[in-house]
Amino acid sequence: SNWQLELFYYVAKHRSFSKAAAALSLTQPTVSGHIKALEAALNLVLFDRLGRDVQLTHAGEILYGHAKRLVDTKQAALQGIEELRDGLRGELMLGGSSIPGQYVLPRLLGQFQPQYPGISIVLHITDTMETLDRVVRGDLELGIVGAQVAHAHVTHTPFVEDELVLAVSASHPWADLASVSMDALATVPFIQRERGSGSRLVVERALADAGLPPARLRVMAEMGTTEAIKQGIKAGLGVSIMSGLALEDECKAGSIRMVAIEGLSIRRHFSVIRHTGRALSPLAQTFETFLQALTPLPLPSQDTQFHVTTT
């Protein structure tokens, strides 16, 4: 049995029945009895009993390696559970770039919080590059970003898909069109996100790949938030390519329309990023596991109330 293997491990480790018995708070006859039963079950002699000391036989040496792994695994499991039990209280710092931070994470946290009431979340919203920098520096254990940015010390785990779409105001000449051409896109005033934004990176890469260098766009304005861009679109300042997830409310209200661009589909995954060289705390580990289990992304129509700190 596993219990007998564990006893065998301690006798072999201490090279003594009496020391193993003391370490396990058992009597020496109990330990000896279990080892004899194990030897009988295996039909092997595991120890050479030489006076007070005991030495492992060849069969004992082989079994010792397996028994040690068993004990190590059991101890690691108990330690993990203990850490988890103690660790699931406290503050978890998360970094989110604009779109996942404003439109995805608050909804997910509304699901996470009831499962782990002992954990309070502090969510800092910046852009993809700043979130990446914070993870690299070690200020944040986990970040959720909107673009894959290669970095030697950061791993990306995709968890939710988003589509970037052409957004125009309801009063724009294109509002009722099913689609527009790539060339047409270069003729109208365009609003774009600031440098460092994951959305901007993704849009520029996709347009360049499709044969429209970003320099050809008639950029009227550059804005630091998605909300500002939405207000700009509604005010007739220009059109923009932005996250479909961020446009949910406006599309329902009819104030912004989504128009397809011929020959262009821009899909991207939001990614959970972490430092490759650092072990996650039990809190961060719990949240990462929660995110990995989310497929597809549940997006309730009613937003969960949640306090967000924008930095």
Protein backbone atom coordinates (compact mmCIF):
# COMPACT_ATOMS: atom_id res chain seq x y z
CA SER A 1 0.00 0.00 0.00
CA ASN A 2 1.02 3.67 -0.31
CA TRP A 3 1.24 3.90 3.46
CA GLN A 4 3.68 0.97 3.61
CA LEU A 5 5.76 2.55 0.83
CA GLU A 6 5.86 5.76 2.85
CA LEU A 7 7.06 3.90 5.95
CA PHE A 8 9.66 2.10 3.82
CA TYR A 9 10.89 5.48 2.53
CA TYR A 10 11.45 6.83 6.06
CA VAL A 11 13.24 3.67 7.25
CA ALA A 12 15.49 3.80 4.16
CA LYS A 13 16.08 7.52 4.58
CA HIS A 14 17.05 7.24 8.26
CA ARG A 15 18.71 3.82 7.83
CA SER A 16 16.99 2.88 11.09
CA PHE A 17 13.64 1.45 12.20
CA SER A 18 13.73 3.32 15.50
CA LYS A 19 14.51 6.73 13.94
CA ALA A 20 11.77 6.25 11.32
CA ALA A 21 9.32 5.30 14.08
CA ALA A 22 10.25 8.44 16.06
CA ALA A 23 9.92 10.68 12.96
CA LEU A 24 6.42 9.30 12.28
CA SER A 25 5.31 9.12 15.96
CA LEU A 26 4.79 5.36 15.70
CA THR A 27 6.13 2.43 17.74
CA GLN A 28 9.08 0.49 16.37
CA PRO A 29 7.14 -2.84 16.27
CA THR A 30 4.43 -1.15 14.14
CA VAL A 31 7.02 0.03 11.62
CA SER A 32 8.80 -3.35 11.57
CA GLY A 33 5.47 -5.15 11.13
CA HIS A 34 4.49 -3.01 8.11
CA ILE A 35 7.89 -3.46 6.45
CA LYS A 36 7.70 -7.26 6.93
CA ALA A 37 4.20 -7.21 5.39
CA LEU A 38 5.52 -5.17 2.42
CA GLU A 39 8.44 -7.58 1.90
CA ALA A 40 6.05 -10.53 2.07
CA ALA A 41 3.68 -8.90 -0.45
CA LEU A 42 6.55 -8.20 -2.86
CA ASN A 43 8.30 -11.47 -2.08
CA LEU A 44 11.58 -9.52 -1.79
CA VAL A 45 14.03 -8.63 0.96
CA LEU A 46 14.31 -4.84 1.05
CA PHE A 47 16.75 -4.38 3.97
CA ASP A 48 19.84 -6.12 5.21
CA ARG A 49 19.43 -5.88 8.97
CA LEU A 50 22.93 -5.51 10.38
CA GLY A 51 22.69 -4.94 14.12
CA ARG A 52 21.21 -1.50 14.77
CA ASP A 53 21.75 -0.18 11.26
CA VAL A 54 19.84 -1.30 8.23
CA GLN A 55 21.14 -1.21 4.65
CA LEU A 56 19.09 -1.33 1.47
CA THR A 57 19.34 -4.40 -0.70
CA HIS A 58 19.52 -3.94 -4.49
CA ALA A 59 15.72 -4.39 -4.68
CA GLY A 60 15.39 -1.86 -1.83
CA GLU A 61 17.49 0.70 -3.74
CA ILE A 62 15.20 0.42 -6.77
CA LEU A 63 12.05 0.74 -4.67
CA TYR A 64 13.52 3.71 -2.76
CA GLY A 65 13.57 5.89 -5.91
CA HIS A 66 9.86 5.23 -6.51
CA ALA A 67 8.94 5.68 -2.84
CA LYS A 68 10.76 9.02 -2.72
CA ARG A 69 8.81 10.30 -5.73
CA LEU A 70 5.56 9.22 -4.07
CA VAL A 71 6.40 11.06 -0.82
CA ASP A 72 7.64 14.16 -2.70
CA THR A 73 4.41 14.30 -4.74
CA LYS A 74 2.28 13.95 -1.63
CA GLN A 75 4.20 16.71 0.16
CA ALA A 76 4.01 19.03 -2.86
CA ALA A 77 0.24 18.45 -3.08
CA LEU A 78 -0.29 19.16 0.62
CA GLN A 79 1.90 22.26 0.41
CA GLY A 80 0.01 23.49 -2.66
CA ILE A 81 -3.36 23.04 -0.92
CA GLU A 82 -2.04 24.79 2.18
CA GLU A 83 -0.74 27.73 0.14
CA LEU A 84 -4.01 27.90 -1.73
CA ARG A 85 -6.03 27.89 1.47
CA ASP A 86 -3.90 30.64 3.00
CA GLY A 87 -3.35 32.46 -0.27
CA LEU A 88 -6.95 32.93 -1.34
CA ARG A 89 -7.25 36.02 0.79
CA GLY A 90 -5.79 39.35 -0.12
CA GLU A 91 -5.33 41.77 -2.95
CA LEU A 92 -4.63 40.72 -6.53
CA MET A 93 -3.09 43.39 -8.75
CA LEU A 94 -4.04 43.06 -12.41
CA GLY A 95 -3.02 45.14 -15.39
CA GLY A 96 -5.27 45.48 -18.37
CA SER A 97 -4.76 47.31 -21.63
CA SER A 98 -7.66 49.53 -22.68
CA ILE A 99 -10.07 47.14 -24.42
CA PRO A 100 -9.72 44.06 -22.22
CA GLY A 101 -9.41 46.31 -19.16
CA GLN A 102 -12.58 48.31 -19.84
CA TYR A 103 -14.84 45.96 -21.75
CA VAL A 104 -13.85 42.40 -20.86
CA LEU A 105 -12.25 42.19 -17.41
CA PRO A 106 -15.00 43.94 -15.41
CA ARG A 107 -17.53 41.34 -16.67
CA LEU A 108 -15.20 38.46 -15.91
CA LEU A 109 -14.41 39.80 -12.45
CA GLY A 110 -18.13 39.83 -11.76
CA GLN A 111 -18.03 36.05 -12.22
CA PHE A 112 -14.72 35.52 -10.43
CA GLN A 113 -15.52 37.47 -7.26
CA PRO A 114 -18.41 35.31 -5.96
CA GLN A 115 -16.24 32.19 -6.31
CA TYR A 116 -13.37 33.76 -4.36
CA PRO A 117 -14.87 36.32 -1.98
CA GLY A 118 -11.59 36.59 -0.04
CA ILE A 119 -9.76 38.08 -3.02
CA SER A 120 -10.12 41.76 -3.82
CA ILE A 121 -9.00 42.94 -7.24
CA VAL A 122 -7.11 46.11 -8.06
CA LEU A 123 -7.27 46.70 -11.82
CA HIS A 124 -4.90 49.19 -13.43
CA ILE A 125 -5.79 50.17 -16.99
CA THR A 126 -3.05 51.49 -19.23
CA ASP A 127 -2.04 50.40 -22.73
CA THR A 128 -0.50 47.18 -24.02
CA MET A 129 3.10 48.45 -23.91
CA GLU A 130 2.84 49.86 -20.39
CA THR A 131 1.16 46.66 -19.14
CA LEU A 132 3.97 44.62 -20.73
CA ASP A 133 6.62 46.85 -19.09
CA ARG A 134 5.01 46.40 -15.67
CA VAL A 135 5.01 42.62 -16.04
CA VAL A 136 8.68 42.68 -17.15
CA ARG A 137 9.62 44.91 -14.19
CA GLY A 138 7.76 42.65 -11.78
CA ASP A 139 5.23 45.31 -10.68
CA LEU A 140 2.45 43.06 -11.99
CA GLU A 141 2.18 39.27 -11.98
CA LEU A 142 -0.46 39.11 -14.70
CA GLY A 143 -1.52 41.48 -17.45
CA ILE A 144 -4.24 41.18 -20.06
CA VAL A 145 -3.35 42.80 -23.37
CA GLY A 146 -4.82 43.28 -26.82
CA ALA A 147 -1.78 42.60 -29.02
CA GLN A 148 0.95 39.98 -29.14
CA VAL A 149 4.21 41.81 -28.50
CA ALA A 150 7.21 39.50 -28.51
CA HIS A 151 9.44 39.77 -25.44
CA ALA A 152 12.13 37.34 -24.30
CA HIS A 153 10.82 37.15 -20.73
CA VAL A 154 7.07 37.19 -21.30
CA THR A 155 4.70 34.36 -22.24
CA HIS A 156 1.36 35.08 -23.95
CA THR A 157 -1.63 32.80 -23.38
CA PRO A 158 -4.58 33.65 -25.69
CA PHE A 159 -7.95 33.49 -23.94
CA VAL A 160 -10.62 35.52 -25.76
CA GLU A 161 -11.09 36.48 -29.40
CA ASP A 162 -12.10 39.95 -30.56
CA GLU A 163 -12.82 41.30 -34.03
CA LEU A 164 -11.74 44.80 -35.05
CA VAL A 165 -14.33 46.47 -37.24
CA LEU A 166 -14.82 49.66 -39.23
CA ALA A 167 -17.04 51.94 -37.13
CA VAL A 168 -18.93 54.90 -38.65
CA SER A 169 -21.60 57.22 -37.24
CA ALA A 170 -25.25 56.56 -38.03
CA SER A 171 -25.29 59.76 -40.12
CA HIS A 172 -22.16 58.90 -42.15
CA PRO A 173 -22.64 58.32 -45.94
CA TRP A 174 -21.36 54.75 -45.42
CA ALA A 175 -23.78 53.93 -42.56
CA ASP A 176 -26.12 51.84 -44.74
CA LEU A 177 -23.45 50.16 -46.88
CA ALA A 178 -22.69 46.49 -46.42
CA SER A 179 -19.01 47.02 -47.22
CA VAL A 180 -16.44 49.51 -48.54
CA SER A 181 -13.19 48.98 -50.44
CA MET A 182 -9.71 49.30 -48.98
CA ASP A 183 -9.03 52.25 -51.32
CA ALA A 184 -12.13 54.07 -50.07
CA LEU A 185 -10.81 53.77 -46.51
CA ALA A 186 -7.82 55.94 -47.50
CA THR A 187 -10.11 58.78 -48.65
CA VAL A 188 -12.05 59.58 -45.44
CA PRO A 189 -10.97 61.27 -42.19
CA PHE A 190 -9.68 58.56 -39.84
CA ILE A 191 -9.36 58.54 -36.02
CA GLN A 192 -6.71 56.30 -34.54
CA ARG A 193 -5.55 55.20 -31.10
CA GLU A 194 -2.34 56.44 -29.50
CA ARG A 195 1.07 54.80 -29.97
CA GLY A 196 1.53 51.90 -27.54
CA SER A 197 -2.05 50.75 -28.01
CA GLY A 198 -2.51 47.07 -28.84
CA SER A 199 -5.50 47.87 -31.07
CA ARG A 200 -3.43 50.30 -33.12
CA LEU A 201 -0.60 47.78 -33.52
CA VAL A 202 -3.02 45.10 -34.71
CA VAL A 203 -4.81 47.47 -37.15
CA GLU A 204 -1.55 48.80 -38.65
CA ARG A 205 -0.16 45.27 -39.15
CA ALA A 206 -3.41 44.04 -40.76
CA LEU A 207 -3.75 47.05 -43.12
CA ALA A 208 -0.09 46.84 -44.17
CA ASP A 209 -0.47 43.08 -44.86
CA ALA A 210 -3.59 43.83 -46.98
CA GLY A 211 -1.71 46.41 -49.07
CA LEU A 212 -2.74 49.65 -47.37
CA PRO A 213 0.27 51.21 -45.59
CA PRO A 214 -0.96 53.08 -42.47
CA ALA A 215 0.75 56.24 -43.83
CA ARG A 216 -1.95 56.40 -46.55
CA LEU A 217 -4.74 56.89 -43.99
CA ARG A 218 -6.04 60.46 -43.61
CA VAL A 219 -5.51 60.62 -39.84
CA MET A 220 -7.57 63.50 -38.41
CA ALA A 221 -7.02 62.73 -34.77
CA GLU A 222 -5.15 60.42 -32.42
CA MET A 223 -6.89 59.57 -29.16
CA GLY A 224 -5.85 57.87 -25.95
CA THR A 225 -9.05 56.00 -25.20
CA THR A 226 -11.67 54.01 -27.04
CA GLU A 227 -14.41 56.08 -25.39
CA ALA A 228 -12.91 59.28 -26.85
CA ILE A 229 -12.81 57.70 -30.32
CA LYS A 230 -16.48 56.66 -30.02
CA GLN A 231 -17.44 60.24 -29.13
CA GLY A 232 -15.38 61.48 -32.11
CA ILE A 233 -17.15 59.08 -34.49
CA LYS A 234 -20.58 60.15 -33.20
CA ALA A 235 -19.60 63.82 -33.59
CA GLY A 236 -18.71 63.24 -37.25
CA LEU A 237 -14.95 63.75 -36.78
CA GLY A 238 -14.08 60.60 -38.73
CA VAL A 239 -14.27 56.81 -38.92
CA SER A 240 -12.13 54.30 -37.07
CA ILE A 241 -11.26 50.61 -36.92
CA MET A 242 -11.88 49.39 -33.40
CA SER A 243 -12.86 46.52 -31.14
CA GLY A 244 -16.26 44.97 -31.82
CA LEU A 245 -16.55 44.12 -28.11
CA ALA A 246 -16.21 47.82 -27.25
CA LEU A 247 -19.04 48.79 -29.62
CA GLU A 248 -21.75 46.54 -28.20
CA ASP A 249 -23.78 49.30 -26.51
CA GLU A 250 -23.54 51.80 -29.41
CA CYS A 251 -24.58 49.19 -31.98
CA LYS A 252 -27.61 48.27 -29.89
CA ALA A 253 -28.50 51.95 -29.53
CA GLY A 254 -27.95 52.49 -33.28
CA SER A 255 -25.57 55.45 -32.82
CA ILE A 256 -22.62 53.67 -34.48
CA ARG A 257 -22.73 51.25 -37.41
CA MET A 258 -20.23 48.54 -38.31
CA VAL A 259 -19.25 48.30 -41.98
CA ALA A 260 -17.19 45.51 -43.54
CA ILE A 261 -13.95 46.29 -45.41
CA GLU A 262 -13.64 44.20 -48.58
CA GLY A 263 -10.90 41.59 -48.33
CA LEU A 264 -10.10 42.43 -44.70
CA SER A 265 -10.96 40.56 -41.52
CA ILE A 266 -9.07 41.57 -38.41
CA ARG A 267 -9.35 39.13 -35.57
CA ARG A 268 -7.08 39.08 -32.57
CA HIS A 269 -6.85 37.28 -29.28
CA PHE A 270 -6.54 39.02 -25.97
CA SER A 271 -3.65 37.43 -24.12
CA VAL A 272 -2.80 36.86 -20.50
CA ILE A 273 0.85 37.78 -20.07
CA ARG A 274 3.23 36.76 -17.29
CA HIS A 275 6.95 36.73 -16.67
CA THR A 276 8.54 33.43 -17.71
CA GLY A 277 11.07 33.43 -14.88
CA ARG A 278 8.80 34.14 -11.91
CA ALA A 279 6.46 31.73 -10.16
CA LEU A 280 2.92 33.06 -9.72
CA SER A 281 1.49 33.63 -6.25
CA PRO A 282 -1.47 31.40 -5.32
CA LEU A 283 -3.83 34.35 -5.97
CA ALA A 284 -2.50 35.00 -9.47
CA GLN A 285 -2.41 31.26 -10.18
CA THR A 286 -6.08 30.98 -9.23
CA PHE A 287 -7.05 33.86 -11.53
CA GLU A 288 -5.00 32.48 -14.43
CA THR A 289 -6.70 29.08 -14.06
CA PHE A 290 -10.10 30.83 -13.98
CA LEU A 291 -9.31 32.65 -17.25
CA GLN A 292 -8.09 29.47 -18.97
CA ALA A 293 -11.39 27.75 -18.18
CA LEU A 294 -13.37 30.52 -19.92
CA THR A 295 -14.42 29.38 -23.37
CA PRO A 296 -16.27 30.99 -24.94
CA LEU A 297 -16.28 34.36 -23.23
CA PRO A 298 -19.55 34.91 -21.37
CA LEU A 299 -20.62 38.49 -22.08
CA PRO A 300 -23.83 39.25 -20.21
CA SER A 301 -25.87 42.13 -21.56
CA GLN A 302 -25.99 43.80 -18.18
CA ASP A 303 -22.60 44.97 -17.00
CA THR A 304 -21.46 43.93 -13.56
CA GLN A 305 -20.87 46.90 -11.30
CA PHE A 306 -17.17 47.10 -10.63
CA HIS A 307 -14.73 49.77 -9.49
CA VAL A 308 -11.94 50.35 -11.98
CA THR A 309 -8.92 52.54 -11.37
CA THR A 310 -7.60 54.17 -14.51
CA THR A 311 -3.95 55.18 -14.36
